[in-house]
Amino acid sequence: MFKHSFKRKSLSMLHEEMKSDNRLRRVLGPWSLTSLGIGCIIGAGIFVITGYAAQYKSGPALPISFIVSGMACVFSALCYAEFASMAPVAGSAYTYAYATLGELFAWIIGWDLVLEYTVASASVAHGWSKYFQNFIGMFDIHLPKILSKAPFDFDPVRGNFIPTEGLFDLPALLIVAFLTVVLIIGIRESSRFNNIMVAIKLAVVLLVIVVGAFYIDTKNWHPYAPFGWTGLSLFGKTILGQTGADGAPVGMLAGAAIIFFAYVGFDSVSTHAEEARNPQRDVPIGLIASLTICTILYIAVAMVLTGMVPYNQIDIDAPIAAAFQTVGLRWGQFVISLGAVVGLTSVILVLMLSQPRVLLAMARDGLLPEKFFGAIHPRFRTPWKSTIITGIVVGAMASFIPLGILAELVNIGTLLAFVIVCTAVLVMRYIQPQAKRPFRCPWVPVVPLLGMAFCLILMFSLPPANWLRLGVWMLLGMLIYLFYGRRHSVMSRYHESGKPLKE
């Protein structure tokens, strides 16, 4: 039944695909790729998650939580960079798993990436809507409640759904629709639009750091780790550290697991390897540069935020804007809210840009219908049908499903992808030690093993509900693979036709 499911796709086959006419346009350089990474990373993590993590998980030790999460990403980024230089095609971790672990693992990671990018896009669209409504509210413009929120919400204390006064979230739907059109027009246009937004939000973040530094009161950093330095759990059961009022672990490590959401999306750089002008050089630069820049900015912002306001008084919904208002800098609310709207726009853009590339790679291998998901627009050279369906699904989720339900799924899916990529580097070094590697992950096997360890620690620190939802999603994916993907797989057709696979 699974005799072809563990067959690997050779590097020669991947490179042969690039000679086809049905490929993407190579227009991205190292700056554009770095900008895409920054555009996807800096967003909800810096403008929203910091407040929750500081007040309920880490306290003033929030910068250390960012460092721990950043280390997990750095180790994973080095592994991504090696693969991206070896196989500069669309698909990211899906493609890397196919070349090392076989088709079944490739499907699992591809299906997981679909979850990551779709749910993350919808989650950030929710955050964008709230900041946008806050921004226009400064000019006394208010949307009717029926058009400003999802029709229901989830109460984590009571554990049940509650109705709201809304019908659907109109701003979230409109921003997704607008970005879908931008993405269909072309990668060059999408990249330019992203570059402008990245420049604006970097200016706002630097302003926050420089101005906020003058209002730091070091007394707010004591005690530095009020919840402790650990907070490690195993499938929801705390095994190291304190437990909060809700039964979940608290501490620096627990904070790291939560604010890992801030780094979601750096791996999207590798999904654009097929559109890079010199992927062997430019993709590793984009991955490592964007992650390094964002980690430094995150640490600096976390230090400023916890220094300006006592950790237990930090606002949850708009922590940075509220901190500036607390110290009397009311003009900061306008500037920061504007930066948040622009910053979150670029996050949605890059996430929705990455999703169709994963679907394209899976369709090329026959695991999804190629005529639809593999279609490239003859003029714009973009996967336009995949982009449209992505926009429809993300728009529907962002408009009708509350944020709390969506956001919990993102971290665990991303961490699973990172674990598989780190594992795949070790496997590829063993099965193809002589393969050409324009960029080599340093200190193998230490770096991949550390990447796996850090990501697994953060995965196990997530609530058990995340594991349950991931299991349901993966079960649905396995059914699709069994009843469609396995039967239409290009690898299976090669085998059944008697043609030899290129090795």
Protein backbone atom coordinates (compact mmCIF):
# COMPACT_ATOMS: atom_id res chain seq x y z
CA MET A 1 0.00 0.00 0.00
CA PHE A 2 2.81 2.42 0.87
CA LYS A 3 5.48 0.88 -1.36
CA HIS A 4 6.11 4.19 -3.16
CA SER A 5 5.45 6.47 -0.21
CA PHE A 6 9.03 6.49 1.04
CA LYS A 7 10.63 6.92 -2.38
CA ARG A 8 12.81 10.01 -2.43
CA LYS A 9 12.89 12.62 -5.17
CA SER A 10 16.44 13.03 -6.42
CA LEU A 11 18.18 16.39 -6.74
CA SER A 12 18.54 15.80 -10.46
CA MET A 13 14.76 15.58 -10.79
CA LEU A 14 14.35 18.85 -8.91
CA HIS A 15 16.79 20.62 -11.20
CA GLU A 16 15.14 19.09 -14.27
CA GLU A 17 11.84 20.69 -13.25
CA MET A 18 13.45 24.11 -13.50
CA LYS A 19 13.94 23.66 -17.26
CA SER A 20 10.17 23.55 -17.77
CA ASP A 21 8.19 26.50 -19.14
CA ASN A 22 5.79 26.16 -16.21
CA ARG A 23 8.08 27.90 -13.75
CA LEU A 24 8.22 31.14 -11.82
CA ARG A 25 10.16 34.26 -12.83
CA ARG A 26 13.60 34.83 -11.25
CA VAL A 27 13.48 38.50 -10.21
CA LEU A 28 14.42 38.59 -6.51
CA GLY A 29 17.84 39.65 -5.24
CA PRO A 30 19.31 39.40 -1.70
CA TRP A 31 17.75 42.68 -0.52
CA SER A 32 14.29 41.72 -1.79
CA LEU A 33 14.54 38.31 -0.10
CA THR A 34 15.76 39.87 3.15
CA SER A 35 12.95 42.41 2.93
CA LEU A 36 10.40 39.62 2.42
CA GLY A 37 11.74 37.90 5.53
CA ILE A 38 11.60 41.08 7.62
CA GLY A 39 8.19 41.87 6.18
CA CYS A 40 6.85 38.54 7.37
CA ILE A 41 8.60 38.41 10.76
CA ILE A 42 8.02 41.89 12.19
CA GLY A 43 4.33 42.26 12.82
CA ALA A 44 2.00 40.73 15.37
CA GLY A 45 4.92 39.47 17.44
CA ILE A 46 6.30 42.91 18.15
CA PHE A 47 3.05 44.89 18.24
CA VAL A 48 0.77 42.42 20.06
CA ILE A 49 2.31 39.24 21.55
CA THR A 50 4.91 41.15 23.63
CA GLY A 51 2.26 42.47 26.03
CA TYR A 52 0.68 39.10 26.77
CA ALA A 53 4.01 37.29 27.13
CA ALA A 54 5.48 39.93 29.46
CA GLN A 55 2.45 40.15 31.76
CA TYR A 56 1.53 36.49 32.03
CA LYS A 57 4.59 34.41 31.15
CA SER A 58 8.05 35.99 31.32
CA GLY A 59 7.91 39.36 33.09
CA PRO A 60 10.97 41.58 32.46
CA ALA A 61 12.84 38.43 31.34
CA LEU A 62 10.98 38.77 28.02
CA PRO A 63 14.21 39.63 26.10
CA ILE A 64 15.66 36.28 27.20
CA SER A 65 12.52 34.54 25.92
CA PHE A 66 13.10 36.20 22.56
CA ILE A 67 16.71 35.01 22.57
CA VAL A 68 15.67 31.39 23.26
CA SER A 69 13.07 31.41 20.47
CA GLY A 70 15.54 33.17 18.20
CA MET A 71 18.15 30.47 18.82
CA ALA A 72 15.69 27.77 17.76
CA CYS A 73 15.12 29.73 14.56
CA VAL A 74 18.82 30.41 13.92
CA PHE A 75 19.69 26.71 14.04
CA SER A 76 16.74 25.95 11.76
CA ALA A 77 17.63 28.81 9.40
CA LEU A 78 21.13 27.38 8.82
CA CYS A 79 19.54 24.06 7.87
CA TYR A 80 17.03 25.78 5.58
CA ALA A 81 19.87 27.71 3.92
CA GLU A 82 21.77 24.53 3.04
CA PHE A 83 18.74 22.98 1.38
CA ALA A 84 17.72 26.18 -0.40
CA SER A 85 21.16 26.40 -2.01
CA MET A 86 21.03 22.73 -3.07
CA ALA A 87 17.45 22.74 -4.43
CA PRO A 88 16.44 26.29 -5.45
CA VAL A 89 12.83 25.42 -6.28
CA ALA A 90 9.45 26.31 -4.81
CA GLY A 91 8.16 24.35 -1.85
CA SER A 92 10.52 25.08 1.04
CA ALA A 93 10.50 22.34 3.70
CA TYR A 94 8.13 20.21 1.61
CA THR A 95 10.71 19.92 -1.18
CA TYR A 96 13.55 19.26 1.27
CA ALA A 97 11.62 16.46 2.96
CA TYR A 98 10.82 14.88 -0.44
CA ALA A 99 14.52 14.77 -1.33
CA THR A 100 15.56 13.20 1.97
CA LEU A 101 12.77 11.43 3.84
CA GLY A 102 10.44 10.43 1.00
CA GLU A 103 6.99 11.26 -0.32
CA LEU A 104 4.94 10.48 2.79
CA PHE A 105 7.02 12.76 5.01
CA ALA A 106 6.96 15.39 2.26
CA TRP A 107 3.17 15.28 2.20
CA ILE A 108 3.03 15.57 5.99
CA ILE A 109 5.27 18.63 6.04
CA GLY A 110 3.53 20.16 3.01
CA TRP A 111 0.13 19.74 4.65
CA ASP A 112 1.62 21.20 7.82
CA LEU A 113 2.89 24.26 5.91
CA VAL A 114 -0.59 24.77 4.46
CA LEU A 115 -1.84 24.94 8.05
CA GLU A 116 0.94 27.32 9.11
CA TYR A 117 0.59 29.88 6.32
CA THR A 118 -3.21 29.82 6.08
CA VAL A 119 -3.92 30.11 9.80
CA ALA A 120 -1.13 32.63 10.36
CA SER A 121 -2.48 34.80 7.53
CA ALA A 122 -5.98 34.75 9.00
CA SER A 123 -4.67 35.43 12.52
CA VAL A 124 -2.63 38.44 11.43
CA ALA A 125 -5.57 39.73 9.36
CA HIS A 126 -7.55 39.76 12.62
CA GLY A 127 -4.82 41.81 14.31
CA TRP A 128 -4.67 44.15 11.31
CA SER A 129 -8.41 44.77 11.56
CA LYS A 130 -8.19 45.72 15.24
CA TYR A 131 -5.27 48.13 14.71
CA PHE A 132 -6.95 49.61 11.63
CA GLN A 133 -10.17 50.23 13.52
CA ASN A 134 -8.15 51.79 16.35
CA PHE A 135 -6.31 53.99 13.86
CA ILE A 136 -9.40 55.35 12.09
CA GLY A 137 -11.01 55.77 15.50
CA MET A 138 -8.50 58.56 16.19
CA PHE A 139 -10.32 60.50 13.46
CA ASP A 140 -13.71 59.67 15.00
CA ILE A 141 -14.49 57.12 12.27
CA HIS A 142 -16.18 54.00 13.58
CA LEU A 143 -17.52 50.94 11.77
CA PRO A 144 -20.90 49.46 12.71
CA LYS A 145 -20.41 46.65 15.24
CA ILE A 146 -22.09 44.22 12.88
CA LEU A 147 -19.18 44.69 10.41
CA SER A 148 -16.30 44.89 12.88
CA LYS A 149 -15.92 41.40 14.36
CA ALA A 150 -16.59 37.67 13.93
CA PRO A 151 -20.11 36.47 14.80
CA PHE A 152 -18.90 34.42 17.78
CA ASP A 153 -15.98 34.23 20.18
CA PHE A 154 -14.48 31.61 22.49
CA ASP A 155 -14.38 32.08 26.26
CA PRO A 156 -11.28 30.21 27.55
CA VAL A 157 -12.42 30.50 31.18
CA ARG A 158 -15.84 28.90 30.65
CA GLY A 159 -14.67 26.78 27.72
CA ASN A 160 -17.62 27.62 25.47
CA PHE A 161 -18.56 29.78 22.49
CA ILE A 162 -20.34 33.07 23.01
CA PRO A 163 -22.20 35.18 20.44
CA THR A 164 -21.05 38.71 19.58
CA GLU A 165 -22.81 41.69 18.07
CA GLY A 166 -20.91 41.20 14.82
CA LEU A 167 -21.82 39.47 11.58
CA PHE A 168 -18.33 39.36 10.01
CA ASP A 169 -15.04 41.25 10.14
CA LEU A 170 -15.20 43.54 7.11
CA PRO A 171 -11.72 45.16 7.40
CA ALA A 172 -10.04 41.73 7.60
CA LEU A 173 -11.93 40.58 4.51
CA LEU A 174 -11.06 43.71 2.53
CA ILE A 175 -7.31 43.63 3.29
CA VAL A 176 -7.12 39.97 2.27
CA ALA A 177 -9.00 40.68 -0.98
CA PHE A 178 -6.74 43.64 -1.81
CA LEU A 179 -3.54 41.69 -1.18
CA THR A 180 -4.83 38.75 -3.24
CA VAL A 181 -5.09 41.06 -6.27
CA VAL A 182 -1.59 42.45 -5.62
CA LEU A 183 -0.14 38.93 -5.41
CA ILE A 184 -1.75 37.82 -8.67
CA ILE A 185 -0.31 40.80 -10.57
CA GLY A 186 3.25 39.63 -10.02
CA ILE A 187 6.15 38.86 -7.69
CA ARG A 188 8.08 42.00 -8.69
CA GLU A 189 5.13 44.25 -7.87
CA SER A 190 4.46 42.37 -4.63
CA SER A 191 8.12 42.70 -3.64
CA ARG A 192 8.17 46.45 -4.31
CA PHE A 193 4.99 46.95 -2.31
CA ASN A 194 6.51 44.94 0.53
CA ASN A 195 9.78 46.93 0.42
CA ILE A 196 7.87 50.18 0.99
CA MET A 197 5.97 48.75 3.93
CA VAL A 198 9.12 47.27 5.47
CA ALA A 199 10.89 50.64 5.29
CA ILE A 200 7.98 52.32 7.09
CA LYS A 201 7.67 49.78 9.89
CA LEU A 202 11.42 49.58 10.45
CA ALA A 203 11.44 53.35 10.87
CA VAL A 204 8.63 53.07 13.44
CA VAL A 205 10.37 50.24 15.33
CA LEU A 206 13.66 52.18 15.45
CA LEU A 207 11.75 55.24 16.67
CA VAL A 208 10.23 53.15 19.46
CA ILE A 209 13.67 51.91 20.51
CA VAL A 210 15.47 55.28 20.36
CA VAL A 211 12.76 57.41 21.98
CA GLY A 212 11.61 54.77 24.44
CA ALA A 213 15.15 54.23 25.71
CA PHE A 214 15.04 57.69 27.35
CA TYR A 215 12.02 56.64 29.43
CA ILE A 216 13.39 53.36 30.80
CA ASP A 217 13.20 53.03 34.56
CA THR A 218 15.48 50.18 35.62
CA LYS A 219 13.32 49.65 38.73
CA ASN A 220 10.76 48.07 36.39
CA TRP A 221 13.25 45.28 35.70
CA HIS A 222 13.15 44.04 39.31
CA PRO A 223 12.39 41.27 39.91
CA TYR A 224 13.75 40.29 36.51
CA ALA A 225 12.18 36.83 36.30
CA PRO A 226 9.13 36.91 38.61
CA PHE A 227 7.74 33.69 37.10
CA GLY A 228 11.06 31.84 37.14
CA TRP A 229 13.50 30.80 34.42
CA THR A 230 11.75 27.63 33.29
CA GLY A 231 8.10 26.85 32.58
CA LEU A 232 8.51 23.60 30.72
CA SER A 233 5.57 21.26 30.18
CA LEU A 234 4.96 17.92 28.49
CA PHE A 235 1.66 17.73 26.58
CA GLY A 236 0.18 20.36 28.90
CA LYS A 237 1.51 18.96 32.21
CA THR A 238 4.07 21.22 33.90
CA ILE A 239 7.25 19.27 34.61
CA LEU A 240 9.64 22.13 35.39
CA GLY A 241 8.69 25.48 36.89
CA GLN A 242 5.57 27.22 38.11
CA THR A 243 1.98 26.87 36.95
CA GLY A 244 -0.29 29.83 36.27
CA ALA A 245 -3.89 30.35 37.33
CA ASP A 246 -5.13 28.71 34.14
CA GLY A 247 -3.04 25.58 34.77
CA ALA A 248 -0.51 26.41 32.03
CA PRO A 249 3.20 26.75 32.82
CA VAL A 250 4.72 30.19 33.38
CA GLY A 251 8.33 31.32 33.23
CA MET A 252 10.97 32.32 30.73
CA LEU A 253 10.70 29.11 28.66
CA ALA A 254 6.90 29.28 28.68
CA GLY A 255 7.22 32.83 27.38
CA ALA A 256 9.58 31.63 24.66
CA ALA A 257 6.99 29.10 23.47
CA ILE A 258 4.34 31.83 23.24
CA ILE A 259 6.41 34.53 21.55
CA PHE A 260 7.76 32.03 19.03
CA PHE A 261 4.76 33.32 17.03
CA ALA A 262 6.86 36.46 16.54
CA TYR A 263 9.29 34.51 14.35
CA VAL A 264 6.71 32.67 12.27
CA GLY A 265 7.38 33.36 8.61
CA PHE A 266 11.16 33.66 8.36
CA ASP A 267 11.13 30.30 6.59
CA SER A 268 8.94 31.88 3.90
CA VAL A 269 12.14 33.20 2.32
CA SER A 270 13.00 29.66 1.23
CA THR A 271 9.64 29.26 -0.53
CA HIS A 272 10.80 31.92 -3.00
CA ALA A 273 14.03 30.16 -4.00
CA GLU A 274 12.62 29.55 -7.48
CA GLU A 275 12.14 33.31 -7.92
CA ALA A 276 15.63 34.28 -6.70
CA ARG A 277 18.12 35.50 -9.31
CA ASN A 278 21.03 33.70 -7.64
CA PRO A 279 19.38 31.32 -5.16
CA GLN A 280 22.55 29.53 -4.08
CA ARG A 281 23.82 32.82 -2.62
CA ASP A 282 20.79 35.06 -2.18
CA VAL A 283 18.43 32.73 -0.29
CA PRO A 284 20.91 31.94 2.54
CA ILE A 285 21.63 35.68 2.82
CA GLY A 286 17.91 36.47 2.97
CA LEU A 287 17.22 33.81 5.60
CA ILE A 288 20.06 34.63 7.96
CA ALA A 289 20.03 38.42 7.51
CA SER A 290 16.28 38.82 8.08
CA LEU A 291 16.31 36.58 11.15
CA THR A 292 19.37 38.32 12.67
CA ILE A 293 17.98 41.82 12.12
CA CYS A 294 14.58 40.94 13.55
CA THR A 295 15.99 39.15 16.61
CA ILE A 296 18.08 42.22 17.52
CA LEU A 297 15.07 44.50 17.09
CA TYR A 298 12.85 42.18 19.15
CA ILE A 299 15.30 42.12 22.06
CA ALA A 300 15.67 45.92 21.99
CA VAL A 301 11.90 46.52 21.88
CA ALA A 302 11.32 44.02 24.71
CA MET A 303 13.91 45.81 26.88
CA VAL A 304 12.32 49.21 26.16
CA LEU A 305 8.76 47.99 26.79
CA THR A 306 9.50 46.27 30.11
CA GLY A 307 11.64 49.25 31.16
CA MET A 308 8.99 51.87 30.39
CA VAL A 309 6.10 50.13 32.16
CA PRO A 310 5.99 47.60 35.05
CA TYR A 311 5.42 44.17 33.48
CA ASN A 312 2.11 43.64 35.31
CA GLN A 313 0.73 46.93 33.94
CA ILE A 314 1.59 46.39 30.26
CA ASP A 315 -1.45 46.66 28.00
CA ILE A 316 -2.39 43.39 26.30
CA ASP A 317 -4.06 44.65 23.12
CA ALA A 318 -1.66 47.46 22.09
CA PRO A 319 1.34 47.22 24.45
CA ILE A 320 3.76 49.57 22.70
CA ALA A 321 1.28 52.34 21.88
CA ALA A 322 -0.11 52.18 25.43
CA ALA A 323 3.41 52.34 26.93
CA PHE A 324 4.13 55.58 25.07
CA GLN A 325 0.82 56.99 26.21
CA THR A 326 1.61 56.01 29.83
CA VAL A 327 4.79 58.13 29.87
CA GLY A 328 3.03 61.10 28.30
CA LEU A 329 4.04 60.58 24.65
CA ARG A 330 0.53 60.64 23.22
CA TRP A 331 1.78 61.33 19.71
CA GLY A 332 3.33 57.87 19.87
CA GLN A 333 -0.11 56.24 19.70
CA PHE A 334 -0.67 57.67 16.22
CA VAL A 335 2.77 56.80 14.88
CA ILE A 336 2.83 53.30 16.39
CA SER A 337 -0.72 52.48 15.29
CA LEU A 338 0.19 53.56 11.75
CA GLY A 339 3.33 51.44 11.89
CA ALA A 340 1.32 48.46 13.16
CA VAL A 341 -1.21 48.75 10.32
CA VAL A 342 1.59 48.91 7.73
CA GLY A 343 3.65 46.23 9.47
CA LEU A 344 0.81 43.75 9.70
CA THR A 345 -0.08 44.38 6.05
CA SER A 346 3.37 43.22 4.96
CA VAL A 347 3.08 40.11 7.18
CA ILE A 348 -0.18 39.08 5.53
CA LEU A 349 1.32 39.81 2.11
CA VAL A 350 4.34 37.55 2.57
CA LEU A 351 2.38 34.73 4.22
CA MET A 352 -0.15 34.74 1.38
CA LEU A 353 2.71 35.00 -1.10
CA SER A 354 4.32 31.85 0.33
CA GLN A 355 1.25 29.64 0.58
CA PRO A 356 0.59 29.23 -3.19
CA ARG A 357 4.27 28.31 -3.75
CA VAL A 358 3.91 25.33 -1.43
CA LEU A 359 0.69 24.27 -3.16
CA LEU A 360 2.46 24.67 -6.53
CA ALA A 361 5.27 22.32 -5.48
CA MET A 362 2.81 19.71 -4.23
CA ALA A 363 0.76 19.96 -7.43
CA ARG A 364 3.85 19.47 -9.61
CA ASP A 365 4.38 16.16 -7.83
CA GLY A 366 0.78 15.10 -8.46
CA LEU A 367 -0.19 15.18 -4.78
CA LEU A 368 -2.75 17.91 -5.53
CA PRO A 369 -4.63 18.58 -8.82
CA GLU A 370 -1.97 20.08 -11.09
CA LYS A 371 -4.33 21.79 -13.53
CA PHE A 372 -5.58 23.99 -10.72
CA PHE A 373 -2.87 24.34 -8.07
CA GLY A 374 -0.02 24.10 -10.58
CA ALA A 375 -1.40 26.68 -13.03
CA ILE A 376 0.99 29.58 -13.81
CA HIS A 377 -0.53 32.76 -15.25
CA PRO A 378 0.81 33.21 -18.83
CA ARG A 379 1.41 36.95 -18.36
CA PHE A 380 2.14 37.51 -14.67
CA ARG A 381 4.01 34.19 -14.16
CA THR A 382 2.39 33.68 -10.76
CA PRO A 383 0.42 30.67 -9.41
CA TRP A 384 -2.79 32.65 -9.81
CA LYS A 385 -5.40 29.95 -9.15
CA SER A 386 -3.65 28.88 -5.95
CA THR A 387 -3.44 32.53 -4.92
CA ILE A 388 -7.17 33.03 -5.46
CA ILE A 389 -8.17 29.97 -3.44
CA THR A 390 -5.73 31.03 -0.71
CA GLY A 391 -7.34 34.46 -0.61
CA ILE A 392 -10.84 32.98 -0.38
CA VAL A 393 -9.97 30.60 2.47
CA VAL A 394 -7.93 33.17 4.43
CA GLY A 395 -10.61 35.83 3.96
CA ALA A 396 -13.35 33.51 5.17
CA MET A 397 -11.37 32.39 8.22
CA ALA A 398 -10.34 35.94 9.13
CA SER A 399 -13.92 37.20 8.77
CA PHE A 400 -15.87 34.53 10.62
CA ILE A 401 -13.54 32.69 13.05
CA PRO A 402 -12.31 34.36 16.29
CA LEU A 403 -8.61 35.02 16.73
CA GLY A 404 -8.15 32.82 19.80
CA ILE A 405 -9.07 29.65 17.92
CA LEU A 406 -6.82 30.47 14.96
CA ALA A 407 -3.67 31.64 16.70
CA GLU A 408 -3.18 28.49 18.81
CA LEU A 409 -2.57 26.35 15.71
CA VAL A 410 0.26 28.39 14.23
CA ASN A 411 3.21 27.74 16.55
CA ILE A 412 2.99 23.95 16.71
CA GLY A 413 2.77 23.60 12.93
CA THR A 414 5.81 25.81 12.37
CA LEU A 415 7.88 24.04 15.02
CA LEU A 416 7.08 20.66 13.45
CA ALA A 417 8.31 21.96 10.09
CA PHE A 418 11.57 23.11 11.66
CA VAL A 419 12.15 19.73 13.35
CA ILE A 420 11.72 17.91 10.04
CA VAL A 421 14.09 20.26 8.17
CA CYS A 422 16.80 19.85 10.81
CA THR A 423 16.36 16.08 10.61
CA ALA A 424 16.48 16.18 6.81
CA VAL A 425 19.89 17.88 6.82
CA LEU A 426 21.34 15.00 8.81
CA VAL A 427 19.74 12.45 6.49
CA MET A 428 20.98 14.19 3.33
CA ARG A 429 24.52 14.45 4.69
CA TYR A 430 24.41 10.67 5.20
CA ILE A 431 22.79 9.53 1.94
CA GLN A 432 24.42 12.08 -0.39
CA PRO A 433 27.63 13.29 1.24
CA GLN A 434 29.16 14.31 -2.12
CA ALA A 435 26.20 16.41 -3.32
CA LYS A 436 27.02 20.00 -4.27
CA ARG A 437 26.26 22.35 -1.38
CA PRO A 438 26.89 26.02 -2.28
CA PHE A 439 26.02 26.83 1.33
CA ARG A 440 26.90 24.34 4.04
CA CYS A 441 25.28 24.35 7.46
CA PRO A 442 28.20 24.69 9.90
CA TRP A 443 29.05 22.27 12.72
CA VAL A 444 26.94 19.35 11.56
CA PRO A 445 25.55 17.38 13.40
CA VAL A 446 25.64 19.82 16.35
CA VAL A 447 23.58 22.62 14.74
CA PRO A 448 20.76 20.38 13.39
CA LEU A 449 20.55 18.48 16.69
CA LEU A 450 20.36 21.74 18.65
CA GLY A 451 17.68 22.98 16.28
CA MET A 452 15.64 19.81 16.83
CA ALA A 453 16.10 20.01 20.61
CA PHE A 454 15.08 23.68 20.92
CA CYS A 455 12.02 23.22 18.69
CA LEU A 456 10.87 20.07 20.49
CA ILE A 457 11.20 21.81 23.87
CA LEU A 458 9.00 24.65 22.63
CA MET A 459 6.51 22.21 21.08
CA PHE A 460 6.13 20.28 24.33
CA SER A 461 5.59 23.57 26.18
CA LEU A 462 2.41 24.28 24.20
CA PRO A 463 -1.06 23.45 25.61
CA PRO A 464 -2.44 19.95 24.89
CA ALA A 465 -5.31 21.39 22.82
CA ASN A 466 -2.72 22.36 20.20
CA TRP A 467 -1.62 18.73 19.85
CA LEU A 468 -5.23 17.60 19.49
CA ARG A 469 -5.99 20.11 16.74
CA LEU A 470 -2.73 19.25 14.97
CA GLY A 471 -3.70 15.57 15.11
CA VAL A 472 -7.11 16.25 13.57
CA TRP A 473 -5.54 18.32 10.79
CA MET A 474 -2.95 15.64 10.05
CA LEU A 475 -5.63 12.93 10.00
CA LEU A 476 -7.55 14.92 7.39
CA GLY A 477 -4.33 15.30 5.40
CA MET A 478 -3.62 11.58 5.50
CA LEU A 479 -7.09 10.85 4.12
CA ILE A 480 -6.47 13.21 1.20
CA TYR A 481 -3.09 11.60 0.57
CA LEU A 482 -4.50 8.06 0.67
CA PHE A 483 -7.46 8.73 -1.59
CA TYR A 484 -5.87 11.24 -4.02
CA GLY A 485 -2.18 12.05 -3.58
CA ARG A 486 -0.84 8.50 -3.45
CA ARG A 487 -2.85 7.50 -6.53
CA HIS A 488 -1.83 10.53 -8.64
CA SER A 489 1.75 10.87 -7.44
CA VAL A 490 4.28 11.54 -10.20
CA MET A 491 6.67 9.25 -8.35
CA SER A 492 4.13 6.41 -8.51
CA ARG A 493 3.52 6.99 -12.23
CA TYR A 494 7.25 6.83 -12.91
CA HIS A 495 7.46 3.52 -11.10
CA GLU A 496 4.39 1.98 -12.68
CA SER A 497 5.49 3.00 -16.19
CA GLY A 498 8.78 1.17 -15.72
CA LYS A 499 10.85 4.30 -16.37
CA PRO A 500 13.93 4.55 -14.16
CA LEU A 501 14.10 7.36 -11.65
CA LYS A 502 17.03 9.68 -11.94
CA GLU A 503 19.36 9.40 -8.99
